[in-house]
Amino acid sequence: MEKTSSELEKQVMVVLTERFPNSEKLNQGIKGLTTFVVECYRDLAKEITAGQDKYQKPVINGKAIQKELDQIGGYLGKFKI
């Protein structure tokens, strides 16, 4: 999961610079959004590896992933570029 998150981050940056080379404002917003999603993904990977969340509750893969996706989805629903 850590490797996948790093690849996602790199891909977004490459696409941004290729497709929107002169749109700094748009690129900054998308970079911020990418950083948020990638960090959530990395946190989830750490919790799964540790077997517990930051509150020391056991992590069950499917439930942990769904919880993280729900939290990301709630945030993204409010996000504006």
PDB file of N, CA and C in Angstrom:
ATOM      1  N   MET A   1       0.817  -1.190   0.000  1.00  0.00           N
ATOM      2  CA  MET A   1       0.000   0.000   0.000  1.00  0.00           C
ATOM      3  C   MET A   1       0.865   1.262   0.000  1.00  0.00           C
ATOM      4  N   GLU A   2       1.963   1.199   0.705  1.00  0.00           N
ATOM      5  CA  GLU A   2       2.866   2.368   0.726  1.00  0.00           C
ATOM      6  C   GLU A   2       3.412   2.643  -0.669  1.00  0.00           C
ATOM      7  N   LYS A   3       3.809   1.577  -1.362  1.00  0.00           N
ATOM      8  CA  LYS A   3       4.335   1.723  -2.715  1.00  0.00           C
ATOM      9  C   LYS A   3       3.257   2.298  -3.641  1.00  0.00           C
ATOM     10  N   THR A   4       2.046   1.797  -3.519  1.00  0.00           N
ATOM     11  CA  THR A   4       0.942   2.270  -4.355  1.00  0.00           C
ATOM     12  C   THR A   4       0.652   3.742  -4.101  1.00  0.00           C
ATOM     13  N   SER A   5       0.711   4.165  -2.844  1.00  0.00           N
ATOM     14  CA  SER A   5       0.437   5.572  -2.536  1.00  0.00           C
ATOM     15  C   SER A   5       1.499   6.480  -3.141  1.00  0.00           C
ATOM     16  N   SER A   6       2.733   6.057  -3.118  1.00  0.00           N
ATOM     17  CA  SER A   6       3.811   6.852  -3.717  1.00  0.00           C
ATOM     18  C   SER A   6       3.653   6.930  -5.237  1.00  0.00           C
ATOM     19  N   GLU A   7       3.249   5.824  -5.845  1.00  0.00           N
ATOM     20  CA  GLU A   7       3.033   5.811  -7.292  1.00  0.00           C
ATOM     21  C   GLU A   7       1.878   6.733  -7.671  1.00  0.00           C
ATOM     22  N   LEU A   8       0.815   6.716  -6.892  1.00  0.00           N
ATOM     23  CA  LEU A   8      -0.325   7.599  -7.134  1.00  0.00           C
ATOM     24  C   LEU A   8       0.113   9.055  -7.086  1.00  0.00           C
ATOM     25  N   GLU A   9       0.876   9.397  -6.082  1.00  0.00           N
ATOM     26  CA  GLU A   9       1.351  10.768  -5.918  1.00  0.00           C
ATOM     27  C   GLU A   9       2.194  11.202  -7.126  1.00  0.00           C
ATOM     28  N   LYS A  10       3.095  10.339  -7.561  1.00  0.00           N
ATOM     29  CA  LYS A  10       3.956  10.654  -8.711  1.00  0.00           C
ATOM     30  C   LYS A  10       3.142  10.821  -9.988  1.00  0.00           C
ATOM     31  N   GLN A  11       2.173   9.933 -10.198  1.00  0.00           N
ATOM     32  CA  GLN A  11       1.359   9.999 -11.407  1.00  0.00           C
ATOM     33  C   GLN A  11       0.583  11.301 -11.487  1.00  0.00           C
ATOM     34  N   VAL A  12      -0.001  11.719 -10.374  1.00  0.00           N
ATOM     35  CA  VAL A  12      -0.776  12.958 -10.369  1.00  0.00           C
ATOM     36  C   VAL A  12       0.125  14.138 -10.709  1.00  0.00           C
ATOM     37  N   MET A  13       1.303  14.191 -10.136  1.00  0.00           N
ATOM     38  CA  MET A  13       2.213  15.300 -10.398  1.00  0.00           C
ATOM     39  C   MET A  13       2.641  15.347 -11.872  1.00  0.00           C
ATOM     40  N   VAL A  14       2.894  14.185 -12.462  1.00  0.00           N
ATOM     41  CA  VAL A  14       3.287  14.132 -13.872  1.00  0.00           C
ATOM     42  C   VAL A  14       2.137  14.616 -14.755  1.00  0.00           C
ATOM     43  N   VAL A  15       0.937  14.125 -14.487  1.00  0.00           N
ATOM     44  CA  VAL A  15      -0.222  14.518 -15.286  1.00  0.00           C
ATOM     45  C   VAL A  15      -0.474  16.018 -15.169  1.00  0.00           C
ATOM     46  N   LEU A  16      -0.358  16.563 -13.978  1.00  0.00           N
ATOM     47  CA  LEU A  16      -0.592  17.992 -13.785  1.00  0.00           C
ATOM     48  C   LEU A  16       0.374  18.842 -14.598  1.00  0.00           C
ATOM     49  N   THR A  17       1.640  18.506 -14.517  1.00  0.00           N
ATOM     50  CA  THR A  17       2.627  19.325 -15.221  1.00  0.00           C
ATOM     51  C   THR A  17       2.496  19.196 -16.735  1.00  0.00           C
ATOM     52  N   GLU A  18       2.044  18.021 -17.212  1.00  0.00           N
ATOM     53  CA  GLU A  18       1.874  17.833 -18.651  1.00  0.00           C
ATOM     54  C   GLU A  18       0.611  18.509 -19.173  1.00  0.00           C
ATOM     55  N   ARG A  19      -0.480  18.369 -18.466  1.00  0.00           N
ATOM     56  CA  ARG A  19      -1.772  18.840 -18.980  1.00  0.00           C
ATOM     57  C   ARG A  19      -2.095  20.289 -18.624  1.00  0.00           C
ATOM     58  N   PHE A  20      -1.582  20.745 -17.500  1.00  0.00           N
ATOM     59  CA  PHE A  20      -1.896  22.102 -17.050  1.00  0.00           C
ATOM     60  C   PHE A  20      -0.621  22.865 -16.684  1.00  0.00           C
ATOM     61  N   PRO A  21       0.291  23.026 -17.619  1.00  0.00           N
ATOM     62  CA  PRO A  21       1.589  23.621 -17.300  1.00  0.00           C
ATOM     63  C   PRO A  21       1.513  25.075 -16.815  1.00  0.00           C
ATOM     64  N   ASN A  22       0.482  25.796 -17.187  1.00  0.00           N
ATOM     65  CA  ASN A  22       0.396  27.215 -16.834  1.00  0.00           C
ATOM     66  C   ASN A  22      -0.724  27.529 -15.844  1.00  0.00           C
ATOM     67  N   SER A  23      -1.235  26.527 -15.179  1.00  0.00           N
ATOM     68  CA  SER A  23      -2.354  26.739 -14.267  1.00  0.00           C
ATOM     69  C   SER A  23      -1.922  26.484 -12.825  1.00  0.00           C
ATOM     70  N   GLU A  24      -1.164  27.413 -12.262  1.00  0.00           N
ATOM     71  CA  GLU A  24      -0.609  27.249 -10.916  1.00  0.00           C
ATOM     72  C   GLU A  24      -1.706  27.095  -9.859  1.00  0.00           C
ATOM     73  N   LYS A  25      -2.749  27.906  -9.956  1.00  0.00           N
ATOM     74  CA  LYS A  25      -3.815  27.856  -8.947  1.00  0.00           C
ATOM     75  C   LYS A  25      -4.506  26.489  -8.953  1.00  0.00           C
ATOM     76  N   LEU A  26      -4.860  26.002 -10.124  1.00  0.00           N
ATOM     77  CA  LEU A  26      -5.488  24.688 -10.239  1.00  0.00           C
ATOM     78  C   LEU A  26      -4.538  23.602  -9.740  1.00  0.00           C
ATOM     79  N   ASN A  27      -3.293  23.679 -10.163  1.00  0.00           N
ATOM     80  CA  ASN A  27      -2.311  22.672  -9.762  1.00  0.00           C
ATOM     81  C   ASN A  27      -2.113  22.634  -8.253  1.00  0.00           C
ATOM     82  N   GLN A  28      -2.092  23.783  -7.595  1.00  0.00           N
ATOM     83  CA  GLN A  28      -1.925  23.809  -6.144  1.00  0.00           C
ATOM     84  C   GLN A  28      -3.100  23.131  -5.451  1.00  0.00           C
ATOM     85  N   GLY A  29      -4.304  23.375  -5.947  1.00  0.00           N
ATOM     86  CA  GLY A  29      -5.485  22.727  -5.370  1.00  0.00           C
ATOM     87  C   GLY A  29      -5.447  21.230  -5.539  1.00  0.00           C
ATOM     88  N   ILE A  30      -5.093  20.790  -6.725  1.00  0.00           N
ATOM     89  CA  ILE A  30      -5.035  19.352  -6.984  1.00  0.00           C
ATOM     90  C   ILE A  30      -3.894  18.708  -6.205  1.00  0.00           C
ATOM     91  N   LYS A  31      -2.774  19.399  -6.080  1.00  0.00           N
ATOM     92  CA  LYS A  31      -1.663  18.860  -5.271  1.00  0.00           C
ATOM     93  C   LYS A  31      -2.098  18.695  -3.819  1.00  0.00           C
ATOM     94  N   GLY A  32      -2.813  19.680  -3.306  1.00  0.00           N
ATOM     95  CA  GLY A  32      -3.298  19.591  -1.926  1.00  0.00           C
ATOM     96  C   GLY A  32      -4.248  18.429  -1.741  1.00  0.00           C
ATOM     97  N   LEU A  33      -5.148  18.259  -2.671  1.00  0.00           N
ATOM     98  CA  LEU A  33      -6.092  17.150  -2.629  1.00  0.00           C
ATOM     99  C   LEU A  33      -5.361  15.815  -2.718  1.00  0.00           C
ATOM    100  N   THR A  34      -4.382  15.736  -3.609  1.00  0.00           N
ATOM    101  CA  THR A  34      -3.595  14.511  -3.755  1.00  0.00           C
ATOM    102  C   THR A  34      -2.851  14.180  -2.472  1.00  0.00           C
ATOM    103  N   THR A  35      -2.248  15.181  -1.870  1.00  0.00           N
ATOM    104  CA  THR A  35      -1.526  14.972  -0.611  1.00  0.00           C
ATOM    105  C   THR A  35      -2.470  14.425   0.461  1.00  0.00           C
ATOM    106  N   PHE A  36      -3.667  15.005   0.540  1.00  0.00           N
ATOM    107  CA  PHE A  36      -4.649  14.539   1.525  1.00  0.00           C
ATOM    108  C   PHE A  36      -4.988  13.065   1.314  1.00  0.00           C
ATOM    109  N   VAL A  37      -5.341  12.696   0.082  1.00  0.00           N
ATOM    110  CA  VAL A  37      -5.743  11.319  -0.198  1.00  0.00           C
ATOM    111  C   VAL A  37      -4.579  10.351   0.027  1.00  0.00           C
ATOM    112  N   VAL A  38      -3.393  10.726  -0.421  1.00  0.00           N
ATOM    113  CA  VAL A  38      -2.221   9.857  -0.264  1.00  0.00           C
ATOM    114  C   VAL A  38      -1.887   9.659   1.220  1.00  0.00           C
ATOM    115  N   GLU A  39      -1.960  10.718   2.013  1.00  0.00           N
ATOM    116  CA  GLU A  39      -1.665  10.592   3.447  1.00  0.00           C
ATOM    117  C   GLU A  39      -2.702   9.721   4.150  1.00  0.00           C
ATOM    118  N   CYS A  40      -3.968   9.843   3.763  1.00  0.00           N
ATOM    119  CA  CYS A  40      -5.005   8.966   4.331  1.00  0.00           C
ATOM    120  C   CYS A  40      -4.698   7.511   4.003  1.00  0.00           C
ATOM    121  N   TYR A  41      -4.282   7.277   2.779  1.00  0.00           N
ATOM    122  CA  TYR A  41      -3.947   5.927   2.330  1.00  0.00           C
ATOM    123  C   TYR A  41      -2.749   5.389   3.109  1.00  0.00           C
ATOM    124  N   ARG A  42      -1.745   6.231   3.317  1.00  0.00           N
ATOM    125  CA  ARG A  42      -0.562   5.797   4.075  1.00  0.00           C
ATOM    126  C   ARG A  42      -0.921   5.502   5.532  1.00  0.00           C
ATOM    127  N   ASP A  43      -1.773   6.331   6.118  1.00  0.00           N
ATOM    128  CA  ASP A  43      -2.208   6.088   7.492  1.00  0.00           C
ATOM    129  C   ASP A  43      -2.950   4.757   7.603  1.00  0.00           C
ATOM    130  N   LEU A  44      -3.801   4.505   6.636  1.00  0.00           N
ATOM    131  CA  LEU A  44      -4.534   3.237   6.624  1.00  0.00           C
ATOM    132  C   LEU A  44      -3.565   2.060   6.524  1.00  0.00           C
ATOM    133  N   ALA A  45      -2.564   2.161   5.663  1.00  0.00           N
ATOM    134  CA  ALA A  45      -1.574   1.092   5.521  1.00  0.00           C
ATOM    135  C   ALA A  45      -0.850   0.844   6.838  1.00  0.00           C
ATOM    136  N   LYS A  46      -0.492   1.922   7.539  1.00  0.00           N
ATOM    137  CA  LYS A  46       0.189   1.776   8.834  1.00  0.00           C
ATOM    138  C   LYS A  46      -0.709   1.100   9.858  1.00  0.00           C
ATOM    139  N   GLU A  47      -2.000   1.479   9.881  1.00  0.00           N
ATOM    140  CA  GLU A  47      -2.937   0.875  10.826  1.00  0.00           C
ATOM    141  C   GLU A  47      -3.115  -0.612  10.543  1.00  0.00           C
ATOM    142  N   ILE A  48      -3.225  -0.969   9.266  1.00  0.00           N
ATOM    143  CA  ILE A  48      -3.386  -2.382   8.905  1.00  0.00           C
ATOM    144  C   ILE A  48      -2.137  -3.168   9.290  1.00  0.00           C
ATOM    145  N   THR A  49      -0.971  -2.603   9.023  1.00  0.00           N
ATOM    146  CA  THR A  49       0.280  -3.269   9.374  1.00  0.00           C
ATOM    147  C   THR A  49       0.397  -3.448  10.886  1.00  0.00           C
ATOM    148  N   ALA A  50       0.043  -2.405  11.645  1.00  0.00           N
ATOM    149  CA  ALA A  50       0.121  -2.455  13.105  1.00  0.00           C
ATOM    150  C   ALA A  50      -0.986  -3.320  13.707  1.00  0.00           C
ATOM    151  N   GLY A  51      -2.088  -3.475  12.962  1.00  0.00           N
ATOM    152  CA  GLY A  51      -3.199  -4.262  13.479  1.00  0.00           C
ATOM    153  C   GLY A  51      -4.108  -3.483  14.416  1.00  0.00           C
ATOM    154  N   GLN A  52      -3.841  -2.189  14.555  1.00  0.00           N
ATOM    155  CA  GLN A  52      -4.685  -1.350  15.412  1.00  0.00           C
ATOM    156  C   GLN A  52      -4.626   0.093  14.934  1.00  0.00           C
ATOM    157  N   ASP A  53      -5.686   0.850  15.277  1.00  0.00           N
ATOM    158  CA  ASP A  53      -5.707   2.250  14.883  1.00  0.00           C
ATOM    159  C   ASP A  53      -5.036   3.108  15.948  1.00  0.00           C
ATOM    160  N   LYS A  54      -5.100   4.425  15.770  1.00  0.00           N
ATOM    161  CA  LYS A  54      -4.421   5.321  16.716  1.00  0.00           C
ATOM    162  C   LYS A  54      -5.052   5.297  18.108  1.00  0.00           C
ATOM    163  N   TYR A  55      -6.248   4.708  18.219  1.00  0.00           N
ATOM    164  CA  TYR A  55      -6.913   4.582  19.523  1.00  0.00           C
ATOM    165  C   TYR A  55      -6.732   3.184  20.101  1.00  0.00           C
ATOM    166  N   GLN A  56      -5.827   2.415  19.506  1.00  0.00           N
ATOM    167  CA  GLN A  56      -5.505   1.047  19.887  1.00  0.00           C
ATOM    168  C   GLN A  56      -6.684   0.077  19.720  1.00  0.00           C
ATOM    169  N   LYS A  57      -7.612   0.425  18.831  1.00  0.00           N
ATOM    170  CA  LYS A  57      -8.705  -0.490  18.503  1.00  0.00           C
ATOM    171  C   LYS A  57      -8.222  -1.415  17.396  1.00  0.00           C
ATOM    172  N   PRO A  58      -8.616  -2.701  17.452  1.00  0.00           N
ATOM    173  CA  PRO A  58      -8.183  -3.623  16.409  1.00  0.00           C
ATOM    174  C   PRO A  58      -8.663  -3.174  15.035  1.00  0.00           C
ATOM    175  N   VAL A  59      -7.808  -3.382  14.055  1.00  0.00           N
ATOM    176  CA  VAL A  59      -8.146  -3.015  12.679  1.00  0.00           C
ATOM    177  C   VAL A  59      -8.507  -4.281  11.924  1.00  0.00           C
ATOM    178  N   ILE A  60      -9.701  -4.285  11.364  1.00  0.00           N
ATOM    179  CA  ILE A  60     -10.141  -5.379  10.507  1.00  0.00           C
ATOM    180  C   ILE A  60     -10.122  -4.811   9.099  1.00  0.00           C
ATOM    181  N   ASN A  61      -9.314  -5.410   8.221  1.00  0.00           N
ATOM    182  CA  ASN A  61      -9.037  -4.839   6.903  1.00  0.00           C
ATOM    183  C   ASN A  61     -10.245  -4.242   6.198  1.00  0.00           C
ATOM    184  N   GLY A  62     -11.276  -5.001   5.966  1.00  0.00           N
ATOM    185  CA  GLY A  62     -12.429  -4.499   5.226  1.00  0.00           C
ATOM    186  C   GLY A  62     -13.093  -3.315   5.909  1.00  0.00           C
ATOM    187  N   LYS A  63     -13.262  -3.408   7.221  1.00  0.00           N
ATOM    188  CA  LYS A  63     -13.917  -2.323   7.959  1.00  0.00           C
ATOM    189  C   LYS A  63     -13.028  -1.080   8.010  1.00  0.00           C
ATOM    190  N   ALA A  64     -11.745  -1.266   8.180  1.00  0.00           N
ATOM    191  CA  ALA A  64     -10.820  -0.130   8.233  1.00  0.00           C
ATOM    192  C   ALA A  64     -10.792   0.600   6.899  1.00  0.00           C
ATOM    193  N   ILE A  65     -10.776  -0.151   5.836  1.00  0.00           N
ATOM    194  CA  ILE A  65     -10.758   0.458   4.504  1.00  0.00           C
ATOM    195  C   ILE A  65     -12.056   1.214   4.259  1.00  0.00           C
ATOM    196  N   GLN A  66     -13.201   0.603   4.607  1.00  0.00           N
ATOM    197  CA  GLN A  66     -14.480   1.273   4.392  1.00  0.00           C
ATOM    198  C   GLN A  66     -14.582   2.541   5.228  1.00  0.00           C
ATOM    199  N   LYS A  67     -14.117   2.494   6.473  1.00  0.00           N
ATOM    200  CA  LYS A  67     -14.149   3.676   7.342  1.00  0.00           C
ATOM    201  C   LYS A  67     -13.317   4.807   6.732  1.00  0.00           C
ATOM    202  N   GLU A  68     -12.134   4.476   6.260  1.00  0.00           N
ATOM    203  CA  GLU A  68     -11.248   5.483   5.665  1.00  0.00           C
ATOM    204  C   GLU A  68     -11.870   6.069   4.399  1.00  0.00           C
ATOM    205  N   LEU A  69     -12.438   5.211   3.564  1.00  0.00           N
ATOM    206  CA  LEU A  69     -13.083   5.686   2.341  1.00  0.00           C
ATOM    207  C   LEU A  69     -14.280   6.591   2.651  1.00  0.00           C
ATOM    208  N   ASP A  70     -15.041   6.237   3.671  1.00  0.00           N
ATOM    209  CA  ASP A  70     -16.174   7.079   4.081  1.00  0.00           C
ATOM    210  C   ASP A  70     -15.699   8.455   4.542  1.00  0.00           C
ATOM    211  N   GLN A  71     -14.612   8.476   5.319  1.00  0.00           N
ATOM    212  CA  GLN A  71     -14.068   9.743   5.798  1.00  0.00           C
ATOM    213  C   GLN A  71     -13.537  10.585   4.634  1.00  0.00           C
ATOM    214  N   ILE A  72     -12.825   9.959   3.721  1.00  0.00           N
ATOM    215  CA  ILE A  72     -12.307  10.675   2.548  1.00  0.00           C
ATOM    216  C   ILE A  72     -13.476  11.195   1.712  1.00  0.00           C
ATOM    217  N   GLY A  73     -14.479  10.343   1.502  1.00  0.00           N
ATOM    218  CA  GLY A  73     -15.648  10.741   0.718  1.00  0.00           C
ATOM    219  C   GLY A  73     -16.374  11.927   1.323  1.00  0.00           C
ATOM    220  N   GLY A  74     -16.495  11.956   2.654  1.00  0.00           N
ATOM    221  CA  GLY A  74     -17.134  13.085   3.327  1.00  0.00           C
ATOM    222  C   GLY A  74     -16.367  14.366   3.115  1.00  0.00           C
ATOM    223  N   TYR A  75     -15.066  14.267   3.195  1.00  0.00           N
ATOM    224  CA  TYR A  75     -14.221  15.446   2.982  1.00  0.00           C
ATOM    225  C   TYR A  75     -14.301  15.921   1.531  1.00  0.00           C
ATOM    226  N   LEU A  76     -14.187  14.977   0.609  1.00  0.00           N
ATOM    227  CA  LEU A  76     -14.186  15.317  -0.805  1.00  0.00           C
ATOM    228  C   LEU A  76     -15.514  15.932  -1.244  1.00  0.00           C
ATOM    229  N   GLY A  77     -16.590  15.536  -0.597  1.00  0.00           N
ATOM    230  CA  GLY A  77     -17.886  16.102  -0.921  1.00  0.00           C
ATOM    231  C   GLY A  77     -17.957  17.598  -0.651  1.00  0.00           C
ATOM    232  N   LYS A  78     -17.102  18.076   0.243  1.00  0.00           N
ATOM    233  CA  LYS A  78     -17.061  19.496   0.605  1.00  0.00           C
ATOM    234  C   LYS A  78     -15.937  20.244  -0.091  1.00  0.00           C
ATOM    235  N   PHE A  79     -15.060  19.526  -0.785  1.00  0.00           N
ATOM    236  CA  PHE A  79     -13.860  20.113  -1.367  1.00  0.00           C
ATOM    237  C   PHE A  79     -14.186  20.909  -2.623  1.00  0.00           C
ATOM    238  N   LYS A  80     -13.600  22.062  -2.732  1.00  0.00           N
ATOM    239  CA  LYS A  80     -13.771  22.903  -3.931  1.00  0.00           C
ATOM    240  C   LYS A  80     -12.409  23.369  -4.409  1.00  0.00           C
ATOM    241  N   ILE A  81     -12.207  23.367  -5.718  1.00  0.00           N
ATOM    242  CA  ILE A  81     -10.966  23.885  -6.303  1.00  0.00           C
ATOM    243  C   ILE A  81     -11.286  25.259  -6.890  1.00  0.00           C
TER     244      ILE A  81
END
